[in-house]
PDB file of N, CA and C in Angstrom:
ATOM      1  N   MET A   1      -0.016  -7.792  -2.954  1.00  0.00           N
ATOM      2  CA  MET A   1      -1.312  -8.408  -2.713  1.00  0.00           C
ATOM      3  C   MET A   1      -2.218  -8.195  -3.912  1.00  0.00           C
ATOM      4  N   LYS A   2      -3.182  -9.074  -4.022  1.00  0.00           N
ATOM      5  CA  LYS A   2      -4.146  -8.941  -5.108  1.00  0.00           C
ATOM      6  C   LYS A   2      -5.244  -7.962  -4.705  1.00  0.00           C
ATOM      7  N   PRO A   3      -5.843  -7.292  -5.699  1.00  0.00           N
ATOM      8  CA  PRO A   3      -6.936  -6.362  -5.384  1.00  0.00           C
ATOM      9  C   PRO A   3      -8.098  -7.027  -4.655  1.00  0.00           C
ATOM     10  N   SER A   4      -8.358  -8.282  -4.940  1.00  0.00           N
ATOM     11  CA  SER A   4      -9.457  -8.979  -4.265  1.00  0.00           C
ATOM     12  C   SER A   4      -9.192  -9.104  -2.762  1.00  0.00           C
ATOM     13  N   GLU A   5      -7.922  -9.243  -2.394  1.00  0.00           N
ATOM     14  CA  GLU A   5      -7.581  -9.325  -0.978  1.00  0.00           C
ATOM     15  C   GLU A   5      -7.814  -7.979  -0.295  1.00  0.00           C
ATOM     16  N   PHE A   6      -7.526  -6.888  -1.000  1.00  0.00           N
ATOM     17  CA  PHE A   6      -7.774  -5.567  -0.446  1.00  0.00           C
ATOM     18  C   PHE A   6      -9.272  -5.286  -0.349  1.00  0.00           C
ATOM     19  N   ARG A   7     -10.030  -5.749  -1.329  1.00  0.00           N
ATOM     20  CA  ARG A   7     -11.478  -5.501  -1.323  1.00  0.00           C
ATOM     21  C   ARG A   7     -12.171  -6.200  -0.156  1.00  0.00           C
ATOM     22  N   ALA A   8     -11.583  -7.270   0.324  1.00  0.00           N
ATOM     23  CA  ALA A   8     -12.174  -8.011   1.441  1.00  0.00           C
ATOM     24  C   ALA A   8     -11.955  -7.304   2.781  1.00  0.00           C
ATOM     25  N   MET A   9     -11.065  -6.320   2.800  1.00  0.00           N
ATOM     26  CA  MET A   9     -10.751  -5.616   4.045  1.00  0.00           C
ATOM     27  C   MET A   9     -11.762  -4.511   4.326  1.00  0.00           C
ATOM     28  N   THR A  10     -11.874  -4.150   5.599  1.00  0.00           N
ATOM     29  CA  THR A  10     -12.709  -3.015   5.977  1.00  0.00           C
ATOM     30  C   THR A  10     -11.909  -1.727   5.752  1.00  0.00           C
ATOM     31  N   ILE A  11     -12.583  -0.591   5.876  1.00  0.00           N
ATOM     32  CA  ILE A  11     -11.909   0.691   5.676  1.00  0.00           C
ATOM     33  C   ILE A  11     -10.814   0.884   6.717  1.00  0.00           C
ATOM     34  N   GLU A  12     -11.071   0.495   7.961  1.00  0.00           N
ATOM     35  CA  GLU A  12     -10.072   0.630   9.016  1.00  0.00           C
ATOM     36  C   GLU A  12      -8.842  -0.236   8.726  1.00  0.00           C
ATOM     37  N   GLU A  13      -9.071  -1.447   8.235  1.00  0.00           N
ATOM     38  CA  GLU A  13      -7.957  -2.325   7.885  1.00  0.00           C
ATOM     39  C   GLU A  13      -7.159  -1.752   6.716  1.00  0.00           C
ATOM     40  N   LEU A  14      -7.861  -1.132   5.760  1.00  0.00           N
ATOM     41  CA  LEU A  14      -7.173  -0.518   4.622  1.00  0.00           C
ATOM     42  C   LEU A  14      -6.302   0.648   5.075  1.00  0.00           C
ATOM     43  N   ILE A  15      -6.801   1.434   6.013  1.00  0.00           N
ATOM     44  CA  ILE A  15      -6.016   2.557   6.538  1.00  0.00           C
ATOM     45  C   ILE A  15      -4.754   2.036   7.227  1.00  0.00           C
ATOM     46  N   LYS A  16      -4.897   0.974   8.011  1.00  0.00           N
ATOM     47  CA  LYS A  16      -3.748   0.379   8.701  1.00  0.00           C
ATOM     48  C   LYS A  16      -2.759  -0.188   7.690  1.00  0.00           C
ATOM     49  N   LYS A  17      -3.263  -0.855   6.662  1.00  0.00           N
ATOM     50  CA  LYS A  17      -2.402  -1.436   5.632  1.00  0.00           C
ATOM     51  C   LYS A  17      -1.650  -0.338   4.886  1.00  0.00           C
ATOM     52  N   GLU A  18      -2.322   0.775   4.598  1.00  0.00           N
ATOM     53  CA  GLU A  18      -1.677   1.897   3.922  1.00  0.00           C
ATOM     54  C   GLU A  18      -0.522   2.440   4.772  1.00  0.00           C
ATOM     55  N   GLN A  19      -0.752   2.593   6.068  1.00  0.00           N
ATOM     56  CA  GLN A  19       0.302   3.072   6.959  1.00  0.00           C
ATOM     57  C   GLN A  19       1.495   2.115   6.964  1.00  0.00           C
ATOM     58  N   ASP A  20       1.205   0.823   7.012  1.00  0.00           N
ATOM     59  CA  ASP A  20       2.276  -0.171   7.009  1.00  0.00           C
ATOM     60  C   ASP A  20       3.073  -0.126   5.699  1.00  0.00           C
ATOM     61  N   LEU A  21       2.364   0.008   4.581  1.00  0.00           N
ATOM     62  CA  LEU A  21       3.035   0.050   3.288  1.00  0.00           C
ATOM     63  C   LEU A  21       3.879   1.312   3.140  1.00  0.00           C
ATOM     64  N   ARG A  22       3.366   2.445   3.625  1.00  0.00           N
ATOM     65  CA  ARG A  22       4.139   3.688   3.552  1.00  0.00           C
ATOM     66  C   ARG A  22       5.408   3.596   4.414  1.00  0.00           C
ATOM     67  N   ARG A  23       5.295   2.949   5.569  1.00  0.00           N
ATOM     68  CA  ARG A  23       6.460   2.749   6.433  1.00  0.00           C
ATOM     69  C   ARG A  23       7.483   1.848   5.734  1.00  0.00           C
ATOM     70  N   GLU A  24       6.989   0.792   5.081  1.00  0.00           N
ATOM     71  CA  GLU A  24       7.880  -0.111   4.356  1.00  0.00           C
ATOM     72  C   GLU A  24       8.561   0.613   3.193  1.00  0.00           C
ATOM     73  N   LEU A  25       7.808   1.451   2.486  1.00  0.00           N
ATOM     74  CA  LEU A  25       8.382   2.208   1.381  1.00  0.00           C
ATOM     75  C   LEU A  25       9.475   3.149   1.872  1.00  0.00           C
ATOM     76  N   PHE A  26       9.238   3.796   2.994  1.00  0.00           N
ATOM     77  CA  PHE A  26      10.256   4.673   3.580  1.00  0.00           C
ATOM     78  C   PHE A  26      11.532   3.887   3.874  1.00  0.00           C
ATOM     79  N   ASN A  27      11.370   2.730   4.489  1.00  0.00           N
ATOM     80  CA  ASN A  27      12.531   1.900   4.817  1.00  0.00           C
ATOM     81  C   ASN A  27      13.263   1.427   3.565  1.00  0.00           C
ATOM     82  N   LEU A  28      12.507   1.072   2.527  1.00  0.00           N
ATOM     83  CA  LEU A  28      13.130   0.637   1.277  1.00  0.00           C
ATOM     84  C   LEU A  28      13.899   1.777   0.624  1.00  0.00           C
ATOM     85  N   ARG A  29      13.333   2.976   0.650  1.00  0.00           N
ATOM     86  CA  ARG A  29      14.040   4.128   0.081  1.00  0.00           C
ATOM     87  C   ARG A  29      15.316   4.413   0.868  1.00  0.00           C
ATOM     88  N   PHE A  30      15.250   4.254   2.175  1.00  0.00           N
ATOM     89  CA  PHE A  30      16.428   4.464   3.007  1.00  0.00           C
ATOM     90  C   PHE A  30      17.500   3.429   2.664  1.00  0.00           C
ATOM     91  N   GLN A  31      17.089   2.184   2.488  1.00  0.00           N
ATOM     92  CA  GLN A  31      18.031   1.126   2.116  1.00  0.00           C
ATOM     93  C   GLN A  31      18.645   1.407   0.745  1.00  0.00           C
ATOM     94  N   GLN A  32      17.828   1.923  -0.173  1.00  0.00           N
ATOM     95  CA  GLN A  32      18.324   2.232  -1.509  1.00  0.00           C
ATOM     96  C   GLN A  32      19.369   3.353  -1.450  1.00  0.00           C
ATOM     97  N   ALA A  33      19.119   4.346  -0.635  1.00  0.00           N
ATOM     98  CA  ALA A  33      20.048   5.470  -0.518  1.00  0.00           C
ATOM     99  C   ALA A  33      21.387   5.034   0.082  1.00  0.00           C
ATOM    100  N   THR A  34      21.346   4.063   0.971  1.00  0.00           N
ATOM    101  CA  THR A  34      22.586   3.605   1.602  1.00  0.00           C
ATOM    102  C   THR A  34      23.210   2.431   0.851  1.00  0.00           C
ATOM    103  N   GLY A  35      22.552   1.963  -0.201  1.00  0.00           N
ATOM    104  CA  GLY A  35      23.096   0.878  -1.012  1.00  0.00           C
ATOM    105  C   GLY A  35      22.916  -0.494  -0.420  1.00  0.00           C
ATOM    106  N   GLU A  36      22.018  -0.657   0.524  1.00  0.00           N
ATOM    107  CA  GLU A  36      21.824  -1.941   1.193  1.00  0.00           C
ATOM    108  C   GLU A  36      20.630  -2.727   0.659  1.00  0.00           C
ATOM    109  N   ILE A  37      19.909  -2.179  -0.314  1.00  0.00           N
ATOM    110  CA  ILE A  37      18.670  -2.820  -0.762  1.00  0.00           C
ATOM    111  C   ILE A  37      18.980  -4.128  -1.493  1.00  0.00           C
ATOM    112  N   GLU A  38      18.233  -5.170  -1.148  1.00  0.00           N
ATOM    113  CA  GLU A  38      18.430  -6.477  -1.768  1.00  0.00           C
ATOM    114  C   GLU A  38      17.584  -6.637  -3.018  1.00  0.00           C
ATOM    115  N   ASN A  39      16.344  -6.137  -2.970  1.00  0.00           N
ATOM    116  CA  ASN A  39      15.430  -6.298  -4.096  1.00  0.00           C
ATOM    117  C   ASN A  39      14.842  -4.927  -4.464  1.00  0.00           C
ATOM    118  N   PRO A  40      15.455  -4.204  -5.404  1.00  0.00           N
ATOM    119  CA  PRO A  40      14.957  -2.875  -5.756  1.00  0.00           C
ATOM    120  C   PRO A  40      13.560  -2.896  -6.391  1.00  0.00           C
ATOM    121  N   MET A  41      13.148  -4.021  -6.935  1.00  0.00           N
ATOM    122  CA  MET A  41      11.815  -4.105  -7.539  1.00  0.00           C
ATOM    123  C   MET A  41      10.719  -4.086  -6.481  1.00  0.00           C
ATOM    124  N   ARG A  42      11.081  -4.325  -5.237  1.00  0.00           N
ATOM    125  CA  ARG A  42      10.098  -4.294  -4.148  1.00  0.00           C
ATOM    126  C   ARG A  42       9.532  -2.888  -3.978  1.00  0.00           C
ATOM    127  N   ILE A  43      10.334  -1.860  -4.288  1.00  0.00           N
ATOM    128  CA  ILE A  43       9.855  -0.481  -4.194  1.00  0.00           C
ATOM    129  C   ILE A  43       8.666  -0.284  -5.129  1.00  0.00           C
ATOM    130  N   ARG A  44       8.786  -0.775  -6.350  1.00  0.00           N
ATOM    131  CA  ARG A  44       7.697  -0.649  -7.323  1.00  0.00           C
ATOM    132  C   ARG A  44       6.451  -1.383  -6.841  1.00  0.00           C
ATOM    133  N   ALA A  45       6.636  -2.576  -6.307  1.00  0.00           N
ATOM    134  CA  ALA A  45       5.508  -3.373  -5.834  1.00  0.00           C
ATOM    135  C   ALA A  45       4.787  -2.682  -4.679  1.00  0.00           C
ATOM    136  N   VAL A  46       5.543  -2.081  -3.771  1.00  0.00           N
ATOM    137  CA  VAL A  46       4.942  -1.403  -2.622  1.00  0.00           C
ATOM    138  C   VAL A  46       4.180  -0.167  -3.086  1.00  0.00           C
ATOM    139  N   LYS A  47       4.747   0.578  -4.032  1.00  0.00           N
ATOM    140  CA  LYS A  47       4.048   1.750  -4.567  1.00  0.00           C
ATOM    141  C   LYS A  47       2.719   1.351  -5.204  1.00  0.00           C
ATOM    142  N   ARG A  48       2.729   0.255  -5.941  1.00  0.00           N
ATOM    143  CA  ARG A  48       1.491  -0.212  -6.578  1.00  0.00           C
ATOM    144  C   ARG A  48       0.468  -0.664  -5.543  1.00  0.00           C
ATOM    145  N   ASP A  49       0.939  -1.321  -4.490  1.00  0.00           N
ATOM    146  CA  ASP A  49       0.020  -1.739  -3.429  1.00  0.00           C
ATOM    147  C   ASP A  49      -0.598  -0.530  -2.730  1.00  0.00           C
ATOM    148  N   ILE A  50       0.197   0.522  -2.526  1.00  0.00           N
ATOM    149  CA  ILE A  50      -0.344   1.747  -1.923  1.00  0.00           C
ATOM    150  C   ILE A  50      -1.420   2.334  -2.823  1.00  0.00           C
ATOM    151  N   ALA A  51      -1.169   2.368  -4.122  1.00  0.00           N
ATOM    152  CA  ALA A  51      -2.159   2.890  -5.066  1.00  0.00           C
ATOM    153  C   ALA A  51      -3.428   2.047  -5.048  1.00  0.00           C
ATOM    154  N   ARG A  52      -3.275   0.732  -4.969  1.00  0.00           N
ATOM    155  CA  ARG A  52      -4.446  -0.150  -4.907  1.00  0.00           C
ATOM    156  C   ARG A  52      -5.263   0.121  -3.648  1.00  0.00           C
ATOM    157  N   VAL A  53      -4.567   0.256  -2.528  1.00  0.00           N
ATOM    158  CA  VAL A  53      -5.260   0.514  -1.264  1.00  0.00           C
ATOM    159  C   VAL A  53      -6.029   1.826  -1.347  1.00  0.00           C
ATOM    160  N   LEU A  54      -5.393   2.873  -1.864  1.00  0.00           N
ATOM    161  CA  LEU A  54      -6.047   4.171  -1.956  1.00  0.00           C
ATOM    162  C   LEU A  54      -7.263   4.122  -2.882  1.00  0.00           C
ATOM    163  N   THR A  55      -7.141   3.410  -3.993  1.00  0.00           N
ATOM    164  CA  THR A  55      -8.250   3.290  -4.938  1.00  0.00           C
ATOM    165  C   THR A  55      -9.432   2.567  -4.314  1.00  0.00           C
ATOM    166  N   ILE A  56      -9.159   1.443  -3.695  1.00  0.00           N
ATOM    167  CA  ILE A  56     -10.237   0.647  -3.107  1.00  0.00           C
ATOM    168  C   ILE A  56     -10.848   1.380  -1.917  1.00  0.00           C
ATOM    169  N   LYS A  57     -10.012   2.077  -1.147  1.00  0.00           N
ATOM    170  CA  LYS A  57     -10.527   2.851  -0.017  1.00  0.00           C
ATOM    171  C   LYS A  57     -11.468   3.949  -0.508  1.00  0.00           C
ATOM    172  N   SER A  58     -11.101   4.642  -1.574  1.00  0.00           N
ATOM    173  CA  SER A  58     -11.974   5.703  -2.090  1.00  0.00           C
ATOM    174  C   SER A  58     -13.262   5.109  -2.674  1.00  0.00           C
ATOM    175  N   GLU A  59     -13.171   3.957  -3.315  1.00  0.00           N
ATOM    176  CA  GLU A  59     -14.371   3.300  -3.836  1.00  0.00           C
ATOM    177  C   GLU A  59     -15.338   2.960  -2.695  1.00  0.00           C
ATOM    178  N   LYS A  60     -14.797   2.414  -1.623  1.00  0.00           N
ATOM    179  CA  LYS A  60     -15.637   2.035  -0.490  1.00  0.00           C
ATOM    180  C   LYS A  60     -16.270   3.263   0.161  1.00  0.00           C
ATOM    181  N   LEU A  61     -15.487   4.347   0.271  1.00  0.00           N
ATOM    182  CA  LEU A  61     -16.044   5.567   0.869  1.00  0.00           C
ATOM    183  C   LEU A  61     -17.129   6.171  -0.012  1.00  0.00           C
ATOM    184  N   LYS A  62     -16.956   6.132  -1.322  1.00  0.00           N
ATOM    185  CA  LYS A  62     -17.966   6.653  -2.234  1.00  0.00           C
ATOM    186  C   LYS A  62     -19.251   5.833  -2.156  1.00  0.00           C
ATOM    187  N   SER A  63     -19.103   4.518  -2.140  1.00  0.00           N
ATOM    188  CA  SER A  63     -20.292   3.666  -2.097  1.00  0.00           C
ATOM    189  C   SER A  63     -21.008   3.773  -0.746  1.00  0.00           C
ATOM    190  N   LYS A  64     -20.243   4.081   0.292  1.00  0.00           N
ATOM    191  CA  LYS A  64     -20.832   4.240   1.624  1.00  0.00           C
ATOM    192  C   LYS A  64     -21.653   5.526   1.706  1.00  0.00           C
ATOM    193  N   ASN A  65     -21.199   6.572   1.028  1.00  0.00           N
ATOM    194  CA  ASN A  65     -21.883   7.869   1.069  1.00  0.00           C
ATOM    195  C   ASN A  65     -23.056   7.967   0.111  1.00  0.00           C
ATOM    196  N   VAL A  66     -23.110   7.115  -0.877  1.00  0.00           N
ATOM    197  CA  VAL A  66     -24.190   7.181  -1.875  1.00  0.00           C
ATOM    198  C   VAL A  66     -25.419   6.461  -1.437  1.00  0.00           C
TER     199      VAL A  66
END
């Protein structure tokens, strides 16, 4: 997803999205370990999306507290 799409989400939606992405990453790692993964580059994309979510979530929390 693009950062602009994450910025449009609320903090609660970002938390839910982070949980979903972490679950997907777990499943992808499991597939990689068993040799069933179809697209290994998806792991990198999911990791980056998690980082984006965490960054935008912290930005929103900082701006909310200031």
